[in-house]
């Protein structure tokens, strides 16, 4: 399996290894998605408008 990574034309800079790491990253992303869903209006209201 790691040969696929080593031979990849454009491998990621950081490769999470292990199912526990993948699960932790997925949990983090779910939490971030929830924050974005709750605060999207406030977040995008801070866009800088160049004139």
Protein backbone atom coordinates (compact mmCIF):
# COMPACT_ATOMS: atom_id res chain seq x y z
CA UNK A 1 0.00 0.00 0.00
CA UNK A 2 2.73 2.50 0.89
CA UNK A 3 4.30 1.81 -2.52
CA UNK A 4 1.26 3.55 -4.05
CA UNK A 5 2.17 6.59 -1.96
CA UNK A 6 5.87 6.45 -2.79
CA UNK A 7 5.15 6.06 -6.50
CA UNK A 8 2.40 8.71 -6.64
CA UNK A 9 2.96 11.54 -9.09
CA UNK A 10 1.72 14.18 -6.65
CA UNK A 11 1.65 12.79 -3.08
CA UNK A 12 0.28 14.88 -0.21
CA UNK A 13 2.76 16.80 1.93
CA UNK A 14 1.30 15.18 5.05
CA UNK A 15 -0.19 11.69 4.92
CA UNK A 16 -2.27 10.72 7.97
CA UNK A 17 -1.39 7.13 8.85
CA UNK A 18 -3.58 4.75 10.80
CA UNK A 19 -7.32 4.42 11.20
CA UNK A 20 -7.20 6.29 14.52
CA UNK A 21 -5.62 9.29 12.82
CA UNK A 22 -8.13 9.24 9.98
CA UNK A 23 -11.00 9.04 12.51
CA UNK A 24 -9.60 11.94 14.53
CA UNK A 25 -9.29 14.13 11.44
CA UNK A 26 -12.83 13.24 10.38
CA UNK A 27 -14.15 14.21 13.84
CA UNK A 28 -12.27 17.50 13.65
CA UNK A 29 -13.74 18.25 10.22
CA UNK A 30 -17.25 17.43 11.45
CA UNK A 31 -16.79 19.90 14.29
CA UNK A 32 -15.47 22.55 11.90
CA UNK A 33 -18.48 21.96 9.60
CA UNK A 34 -20.83 22.49 12.52
CA UNK A 35 -19.11 25.76 13.45
CA UNK A 36 -19.31 26.96 9.83
CA UNK A 37 -22.98 26.05 9.60
CA UNK A 38 -23.76 27.97 12.78
CA UNK A 39 -21.60 31.03 12.08
CA UNK A 40 -21.49 31.24 8.26
CA UNK A 41 -23.37 34.55 8.09
CA UNK A 42 -21.04 36.23 10.56
CA UNK A 43 -17.95 34.70 8.95
CA UNK A 44 -18.71 35.81 5.40
CA UNK A 45 -19.89 39.23 6.55
CA UNK A 46 -16.26 40.10 7.29
CA UNK A 47 -15.20 39.95 3.61
CA UNK A 48 -13.12 42.88 2.47
CA UNK A 49 -14.63 44.64 -0.51
CA UNK A 50 -11.98 46.35 -2.64
CA UNK A 51 -13.15 49.44 -4.45
